[in-house]
Protein backbone atom coordinates (compact mmCIF):
# COMPACT_ATOMS: atom_id res chain seq x y z
CA MET A 1 94.17 94.97 112.90
CA LYS A 2 94.15 98.28 110.99
CA VAL A 3 92.87 96.46 107.89
CA PHE A 4 89.73 95.46 109.77
CA ILE A 5 89.20 99.00 111.04
CA TYR A 6 89.66 100.48 107.56
CA THR A 7 87.35 97.85 106.05
CA TYR A 8 84.68 98.56 108.64
CA LYS A 9 84.92 102.33 108.10
CA PHE A 10 84.86 101.85 104.33
CA SER A 11 81.70 99.73 104.57
CA LYS A 12 79.91 102.56 106.39
CA LEU A 13 80.62 105.15 103.68
CA LYS A 14 78.16 106.33 101.06
CA ASN A 15 78.55 104.63 97.68
CA ALA A 16 79.76 107.87 96.06
CA ASP A 17 82.56 108.15 98.63
CA LYS A 18 83.46 104.48 98.16
CA ARG A 19 83.81 105.04 94.41
CA LEU A 20 85.96 108.11 95.01
CA ILE A 21 88.29 106.19 97.34
CA ILE A 22 88.59 103.30 94.88
CA GLU A 23 89.33 105.80 92.10
CA ALA A 24 92.04 107.43 94.25
CA VAL A 25 93.63 104.06 95.03
CA VAL A 26 93.67 103.11 91.34
CA PHE A 27 95.20 106.45 90.28
CA LEU A 28 97.76 106.32 93.11
CA PHE A 29 98.78 102.82 92.02
CA ILE A 30 99.05 103.82 88.36
CA ALA A 31 101.03 106.93 89.30
CA ARG A 32 103.45 104.91 91.43
CA MET A 33 104.00 102.30 88.71
CA THR A 34 104.48 105.03 86.11
CA ILE A 35 107.15 106.69 88.26
CA LEU A 36 108.90 103.38 88.91
CA PHE A 37 108.95 102.01 85.39
CA LEU A 38 108.87 104.88 82.89
CA PRO A 39 111.81 107.19 82.17
CA TYR A 40 111.40 110.86 83.02
CA SER A 41 111.26 111.79 79.32
CA VAL A 42 108.05 109.77 78.98
CA LEU A 43 106.67 110.80 82.38
CA LYS A 44 107.14 114.47 81.48
CA LYS A 45 104.87 114.06 78.46
CA LEU A 46 102.19 112.44 80.64
CA LEU A 47 102.26 115.25 83.22
CA GLY A 48 100.81 117.83 80.85
CA LYS A 49 101.94 120.87 78.94
CA HIS A 50 105.41 121.85 80.18
CA LYS A 51 105.88 125.43 81.40
CA HIS A 52 102.16 126.11 81.28
CA ARG A 53 100.20 127.23 84.35
CA ASN A 54 96.46 126.88 84.61
CA ILE A 55 95.73 130.08 86.49
CA VAL A 56 91.96 130.25 86.05
CA GLU A 57 90.34 130.05 89.45
CA PRO A 58 88.32 126.86 89.73
CA LEU A 59 84.65 127.16 90.56
CA ASP A 60 84.00 123.80 92.17
CA ILE A 61 85.93 124.23 95.42
CA ARG A 62 83.90 121.53 97.16
CA THR A 63 85.00 118.89 94.63
CA ILE A 64 88.59 120.12 94.79
CA ARG A 65 88.67 119.80 98.58
CA LYS A 66 87.05 116.37 98.43
CA VAL A 67 89.66 115.08 95.94
CA ALA A 68 92.47 116.56 98.06
CA ASN A 69 91.15 114.89 101.21
CA ILE A 70 90.55 111.52 99.54
CA ILE A 71 94.08 111.49 98.07
CA LYS A 72 95.55 112.24 101.51
CA ILE A 73 93.43 109.61 103.26
CA ALA A 74 94.13 106.91 100.66
CA SER A 75 97.86 107.60 100.39
CA ASP A 76 98.29 107.43 104.18
CA ARG A 77 96.74 103.96 104.28
CA LEU A 78 98.20 102.20 101.25
CA PRO A 79 100.99 99.63 101.62
CA TRP A 80 103.17 101.20 98.91
CA LYS A 81 105.01 104.52 98.90
CA CYS A 82 102.67 107.39 98.07
CA ASN A 83 104.79 110.47 98.56
CA CYS A 84 104.29 113.85 96.93
CA LEU A 85 104.70 112.97 93.24
CA PRO A 86 102.21 110.05 93.04
CA GLN A 87 99.75 112.12 95.07
CA ALA A 88 100.08 115.09 92.71
CA ILE A 89 99.73 112.91 89.61
CA ALA A 90 96.71 111.01 90.97
CA ALA A 91 94.94 114.18 92.13
CA ARG A 92 95.65 115.86 88.78
CA HIS A 93 93.99 113.01 86.88
CA MET A 94 91.02 112.92 89.26
CA LEU A 95 90.49 116.66 88.81
CA LYS A 96 90.95 116.45 85.04
CA LYS A 97 88.27 113.76 84.94
CA ARG A 98 85.96 116.32 86.56
CA ASN A 99 86.97 119.10 84.10
CA ILE A 100 88.93 121.00 86.74
CA SER A 101 92.26 122.35 85.53
CA SER A 102 95.35 122.26 87.71
CA THR A 103 99.09 122.86 87.63
CA LEU A 104 101.64 120.30 88.83
CA TYR A 105 104.88 121.79 90.18
CA LEU A 106 108.27 120.13 90.65
CA GLY A 107 110.72 121.83 92.99
CA MET A 108 114.08 121.34 94.66
CA SER A 109 115.69 122.48 97.88
CA LYS A 110 118.48 121.49 100.25
CA ASP A 111 118.03 119.99 103.68
CA LYS A 112 120.12 120.79 106.79
CA GLU A 113 122.89 118.45 105.63
CA LYS A 114 122.95 120.26 102.25
CA LYS A 115 121.48 117.24 100.46
CA ILE A 116 119.20 118.00 97.54
CA ILE A 117 115.56 117.16 98.14
CA ALA A 118 112.82 117.13 95.54
CA HIS A 119 109.15 117.89 96.02
CA ALA A 120 105.99 117.91 93.92
CA TRP A 121 102.76 119.75 94.58
CA LEU A 122 99.51 120.41 92.81
CA LYS A 123 97.37 123.53 92.71
CA ALA A 124 94.03 124.32 91.12
CA GLY A 125 94.31 128.04 90.54
CA ASN A 126 95.70 129.24 93.87
CA ILE A 127 94.16 126.40 95.86
CA PRO A 128 96.73 123.86 97.12
CA ILE A 129 95.63 120.28 96.48
CA THR A 130 98.65 118.15 97.40
CA GLY A 131 102.15 118.82 98.71
CA GLY A 132 101.29 121.33 101.42
CA ARG A 133 100.25 124.95 101.50
CA ASP A 134 103.65 126.66 101.62
CA ASN A 135 106.27 125.45 99.18
CA SER A 136 108.29 128.67 99.22
CA GLU A 137 111.42 126.83 100.41
CA PHE A 138 111.49 124.95 97.09
CA THR A 139 112.78 126.40 93.85
CA GLU A 140 110.43 125.56 91.00
CA VAL A 141 112.29 123.60 88.34
CA ALA A 142 109.30 122.60 86.22
CA TYR A 143 105.56 123.00 86.09
CA PHE A 144 102.90 121.38 83.96
CA GLY A 145 99.45 122.73 83.14
């Protein structure tokens, strides 16, 4: 039933928004397959320059917000797992395509049972794109600009 609702809503969108959603779905799929099938040593090279932060404040905040929203909407509705890392990778590539620099962060923390949990988030300057606004509970272990 949800498929019909999503299809109906999609059909009512402007063509530019349809293209953006399709682009997000494609990048989310590629990101997920990359994570599943490539070793971390290869993935690390694809993420960008290691230990480099892009700290220049982006000018096109409207585009940044639109990409962030589209990634969230698409990842919530796809039938495959689109957790923090595929979202960050997909959003990073969508922003890069629009000449907007960003930094992808990888972090670790422990949950209540003392199990290690990993998290990824993306920022353009100081603007959070994916992974939430406050990631202070996570210790940064790597970042890619």
